[in-house]
Amino acid sequence: MTRKHEPRVAEGVDVTRPSIARIYDYLLFGKDNFAADRAAADKLMQSRLDPRRLALANRAFLRRAVRFLARVYVDHDPIVVAHNDALLATGDGVVTVRADVREPDAVLDSDALNGCLDLGRPVAVLLLSVLHFISCDEDAPGIVATFRERMAPGSYLVISIGTSDGADSEMLAEATTTYAGARMPFTLRSRGQILDLFKGFDLVEPGLVSLPEWRPDFNTDRTPLNGPTVGAVARLAA
């Protein structure tokens, strides 16, 4: 697929290297992506993983989860940041922070974030389809724990993440190879490992479930996902 107009490129950005954020944008039929992102996404879509269905299910879960949550958007991709700045420029109390979730203190200590949020009051942290791109060596539980330690009681944590439980081993091996080929290795975790991420939080009903099964709307597509992906919303105990 070719396009006449590509998004504006920030200085120092290598558009020949696929970006998870821009691949996700393409899977959601967005326009803020480049040829390398589309090529990587198209290759993924040739697998049985059905990444577009996963992306759409994840976005639907997001919409349902944030009905009672306030959010600040954080991303490390400068193209995504620039696009969100344009979209949110007129929104009072809404900012975009360029940061990396692997450095949670940098996120939490950002002047922009602290100018928008009072971390002494309840907030919501949304980690959707990001933690399966954090390797075991990069310590996902430690990342979440850092956020937890800085969150006020009554805050919420929202996570969606791929799981190894119930997954087709051949399909996941195929997807893993494709992601690795795009220099985006990902790590699937067991249900028990995922529940450990919510240590200190109380899960909101219905708990940790497949994305389409988290408080579905009347029009939610509840067909089982090819790539097992689960999500939950949890409240930080007082």
Protein backbone atom coordinates (compact mmCIF):
# COMPACT_ATOMS: atom_id res chain seq x y z
CA MET A 1 0.00 0.00 0.00
CA THR A 2 1.36 3.43 -0.93
CA ARG A 3 0.42 6.86 0.32
CA LYS A 4 0.93 10.26 -1.22
CA HIS A 5 1.46 12.03 2.08
CA GLU A 6 3.52 10.78 5.01
CA PRO A 7 3.32 12.30 8.50
CA ARG A 8 5.77 15.06 9.38
CA VAL A 9 9.01 13.59 10.73
CA ALA A 10 10.60 14.88 13.91
CA GLU A 11 14.36 15.47 13.83
CA GLY A 12 16.39 12.37 14.59
CA VAL A 13 13.58 9.87 13.96
CA ASP A 14 14.51 6.79 11.91
CA VAL A 15 11.36 6.13 9.89
CA THR A 16 12.93 3.02 8.34
CA ARG A 17 12.63 1.24 11.69
CA PRO A 18 9.11 0.08 12.61
CA SER A 19 7.55 1.52 15.75
CA ILE A 20 5.10 -0.38 17.95
CA ALA A 21 2.99 2.75 18.42
CA ARG A 22 2.79 3.43 14.68
CA ILE A 23 2.08 -0.22 13.84
CA TYR A 24 -0.78 -0.05 16.33
CA ASP A 25 -2.00 3.14 14.63
CA TYR A 26 -2.00 1.38 11.26
CA LEU A 27 -3.88 -1.61 12.67
CA LEU A 28 -6.52 0.83 13.90
CA PHE A 29 -6.79 2.29 10.38
CA GLY A 30 -4.90 5.43 11.42
CA LYS A 31 -2.77 7.66 9.22
CA ASP A 32 0.22 8.41 11.45
CA ASN A 33 2.55 5.66 10.29
CA PHE A 34 5.29 5.06 7.73
CA ALA A 35 6.09 2.47 5.10
CA ALA A 36 8.25 0.40 7.47
CA ASP A 37 5.42 0.31 10.01
CA ARG A 38 2.88 -0.75 7.40
CA ALA A 39 5.19 -3.44 6.05
CA ALA A 40 5.72 -4.90 9.54
CA ALA A 41 1.98 -4.77 10.27
CA ASP A 42 1.11 -6.40 6.95
CA LYS A 43 3.53 -9.22 7.71
CA LEU A 44 1.95 -9.71 11.13
CA MET A 45 -1.49 -9.80 9.54
CA GLN A 46 -0.43 -12.75 7.42
CA SER A 47 -0.19 -14.79 10.61
CA ARG A 48 -3.01 -16.46 12.51
CA LEU A 49 -2.48 -13.99 15.35
CA ASP A 50 -4.99 -11.60 13.72
CA PRO A 51 -3.32 -8.46 15.12
CA ARG A 52 -5.93 -6.08 13.72
CA ARG A 53 -8.67 -7.84 15.68
CA LEU A 54 -6.45 -7.70 18.77
CA ALA A 55 -5.84 -3.97 18.28
CA LEU A 56 -9.54 -3.25 17.83
CA ALA A 57 -10.45 -5.36 20.87
CA ASN A 58 -7.81 -3.53 22.89
CA ARG A 59 -9.17 -0.14 21.84
CA ALA A 60 -12.70 -1.23 22.74
CA PHE A 61 -11.45 -2.39 26.16
CA LEU A 62 -9.79 1.01 26.60
CA ARG A 63 -13.04 2.84 25.87
CA ARG A 64 -14.95 0.75 28.38
CA ALA A 65 -12.24 1.00 31.04
CA VAL A 66 -11.88 4.78 30.95
CA ARG A 67 -15.54 5.59 31.31
CA PHE A 68 -14.86 6.28 34.96
CA LEU A 69 -11.16 7.10 34.75
CA ALA A 70 -9.22 10.27 33.90
CA ARG A 71 -6.01 9.87 31.88
CA VAL A 72 -2.78 11.52 30.77
CA TYR A 73 -1.25 10.14 27.59
CA VAL A 74 2.44 9.11 27.73
CA ASP A 75 4.43 7.79 24.76
CA HIS A 76 8.09 7.50 23.79
CA ASP A 77 7.56 7.81 20.02
CA PRO A 78 8.06 11.46 18.93
CA ILE A 79 5.67 11.11 15.98
CA VAL A 80 2.91 9.94 18.31
CA VAL A 81 3.71 12.75 20.74
CA ALA A 82 3.56 15.39 18.01
CA HIS A 83 0.27 14.04 16.70
CA ASN A 84 -1.28 13.96 20.18
CA ASP A 85 -0.06 17.48 20.89
CA ALA A 86 -1.96 18.64 17.82
CA LEU A 87 -5.09 16.69 18.71
CA LEU A 88 -5.11 17.70 22.37
CA ALA A 89 -3.86 21.27 22.06
CA THR A 90 -7.27 22.71 22.89
CA GLY A 91 -8.02 20.34 25.76
CA ASP A 92 -7.71 21.89 29.21
CA GLY A 93 -5.77 19.74 31.66
CA VAL A 94 -4.54 17.30 28.99
CA VAL A 95 -0.88 16.89 28.07
CA THR A 96 1.31 14.48 26.16
CA VAL A 97 4.61 13.42 27.72
CA ARG A 98 7.43 11.94 25.67
CA ALA A 99 8.86 9.23 27.93
CA ASP A 100 9.70 5.53 28.15
CA VAL A 101 7.72 3.26 30.45
CA ARG A 102 10.97 1.42 31.23
CA GLU A 103 11.98 4.57 33.09
CA PRO A 104 8.89 5.16 35.27
CA ASP A 105 10.58 7.73 37.51
CA ALA A 106 11.27 9.89 34.44
CA VAL A 107 7.58 9.69 33.56
CA LEU A 108 6.44 10.53 37.07
CA ASP A 109 8.96 13.34 37.56
CA SER A 110 8.09 15.03 34.26
CA ASP A 111 7.34 18.74 34.67
CA ALA A 112 4.56 18.46 32.11
CA LEU A 113 2.89 15.62 33.96
CA ASN A 114 3.20 17.24 37.36
CA GLY A 115 1.86 20.48 35.92
CA CYS A 116 -1.27 18.57 34.91
CA LEU A 117 -1.71 15.95 37.62
CA ASP A 118 -1.57 16.07 41.39
CA LEU A 119 -0.04 12.71 42.30
CA GLY A 120 -1.14 13.26 45.86
CA ARG A 121 -4.69 12.58 44.67
CA PRO A 122 -6.09 9.45 42.98
CA VAL A 123 -5.02 9.02 39.34
CA ALA A 124 -5.28 6.27 36.75
CA VAL A 125 -2.30 4.57 35.08
CA LEU A 126 -3.14 2.80 31.82
CA LEU A 127 -0.63 0.26 30.49
CA LEU A 128 -2.39 -1.10 27.45
CA SER A 129 -0.60 -3.49 25.08
CA VAL A 130 2.80 -2.29 26.30
CA LEU A 131 4.05 -4.68 28.98
CA HIS A 132 4.40 -7.63 26.59
CA PHE A 133 7.11 -5.57 24.89
CA ILE A 134 8.99 -5.40 28.20
CA SER A 135 11.41 -8.31 28.57
CA CYS A 136 11.91 -10.27 31.76
CA ASP A 137 15.28 -8.54 32.18
CA GLU A 138 13.54 -5.16 32.04
CA ASP A 139 11.46 -6.07 35.09
CA ALA A 140 7.80 -5.35 34.35
CA PRO A 141 6.78 -6.01 37.99
CA GLY A 142 9.36 -3.46 39.14
CA ILE A 143 8.07 -0.89 36.64
CA VAL A 144 4.50 -1.32 37.87
CA ALA A 145 5.68 -1.24 41.48
CA THR A 146 7.34 2.14 40.90
CA PHE A 147 4.07 3.57 39.65
CA ARG A 148 2.21 1.96 42.56
CA GLU A 149 4.54 3.49 45.12
CA ARG A 150 3.91 6.98 43.71
CA MET A 151 0.12 6.60 43.36
CA ALA A 152 -2.30 7.80 46.02
CA PRO A 153 -4.76 5.34 47.60
CA GLY A 154 -7.88 5.08 45.50
CA SER A 155 -5.90 5.30 42.23
CA TYR A 156 -6.53 2.83 39.43
CA LEU A 157 -4.30 0.62 37.30
CA VAL A 158 -5.47 -0.66 33.90
CA ILE A 159 -3.48 -3.33 32.06
CA SER A 160 -4.02 -5.24 28.84
CA ILE A 161 -1.36 -7.79 27.97
CA GLY A 162 -0.74 -10.91 25.91
CA THR A 163 -0.66 -14.17 27.83
CA SER A 164 0.99 -17.49 27.16
CA ASP A 165 -1.89 -19.38 28.79
CA GLY A 166 -4.13 -21.05 26.25
CA ALA A 167 -2.02 -19.89 23.33
CA ASP A 168 -1.32 -21.89 20.19
CA SER A 169 2.43 -22.53 20.41
CA GLU A 170 3.02 -22.56 16.66
CA MET A 171 1.07 -19.36 16.10
CA LEU A 172 2.92 -17.59 18.89
CA ALA A 173 6.29 -18.80 17.60
CA GLU A 174 5.38 -17.37 14.19
CA ALA A 175 4.34 -14.04 15.71
CA THR A 176 7.43 -13.92 17.93
CA THR A 177 9.67 -14.43 14.90
CA THR A 178 7.88 -11.67 12.99
CA TYR A 179 8.15 -9.18 15.85
CA ALA A 180 11.81 -10.07 16.38
CA GLY A 181 12.46 -9.54 12.68
CA ALA A 182 11.10 -6.03 13.11
CA ARG A 183 13.43 -5.57 16.11
CA MET A 184 10.46 -5.63 18.47
CA PRO A 185 10.77 -8.79 20.60
CA PHE A 186 7.91 -9.45 22.95
CA THR A 187 7.44 -11.53 26.07
CA LEU A 188 4.26 -13.38 26.94
CA ARG A 189 3.49 -14.10 30.59
CA SER A 190 1.35 -16.65 32.39
CA ARG A 191 -1.86 -15.65 34.12
CA GLY A 192 -0.09 -15.98 37.46
CA GLN A 193 2.71 -13.65 36.35
CA ILE A 194 0.16 -11.12 35.12
CA LEU A 195 -1.77 -11.22 38.38
CA ASP A 196 1.52 -10.49 40.17
CA LEU A 197 1.61 -7.15 38.34
CA PHE A 198 -1.49 -6.14 40.29
CA LYS A 199 0.12 -6.70 43.69
CA GLY A 200 -1.27 -4.13 46.13
CA PHE A 201 -4.33 -3.48 43.98
CA ASP A 202 -7.87 -4.87 44.25
CA LEU A 203 -9.23 -6.13 40.95
CA VAL A 204 -12.53 -4.64 39.80
CA GLU A 205 -15.12 -7.18 38.66
CA PRO A 206 -14.93 -9.27 36.52
CA GLY A 207 -11.20 -9.43 37.28
CA LEU A 208 -8.55 -10.54 34.79
CA VAL A 209 -10.38 -11.77 31.69
CA SER A 210 -10.10 -11.90 27.90
CA LEU A 211 -10.50 -8.35 26.57
CA PRO A 212 -13.95 -8.84 25.00
CA GLU A 213 -15.24 -10.25 28.31
CA TRP A 214 -14.37 -7.19 30.42
CA ARG A 215 -17.75 -5.54 30.97
CA PRO A 216 -18.85 -5.97 27.33
CA ASP A 217 -21.35 -3.59 25.76
CA PHE A 218 -24.35 -4.86 23.86
CA ASN A 219 -22.41 -4.51 20.60
CA THR A 220 -19.03 -5.88 21.80
CA ASP A 221 -17.58 -8.55 19.52
CA ARG A 222 -17.09 -11.40 21.97
CA THR A 223 -15.61 -13.86 19.47
CA PRO A 224 -12.55 -15.47 21.14
CA LEU A 225 -9.29 -13.75 20.22
CA ASN A 226 -6.74 -15.76 18.25
CA GLY A 227 -3.93 -14.31 20.32
CA PRO A 228 -4.85 -14.67 24.01
CA THR A 229 -4.91 -11.15 25.42
CA VAL A 230 -6.31 -10.31 28.83
CA GLY A 231 -7.09 -7.15 30.70
CA ALA A 232 -8.16 -5.88 34.07
CA VAL A 233 -8.88 -2.71 36.02
CA ALA A 234 -7.76 -2.53 39.65
CA ARG A 235 -7.97 -0.04 42.51
CA LEU A 236 -5.10 0.74 44.83
CA ALA A 237 -6.05 -0.22 48.34
CA ALA A 238 -6.05 2.43 51.05
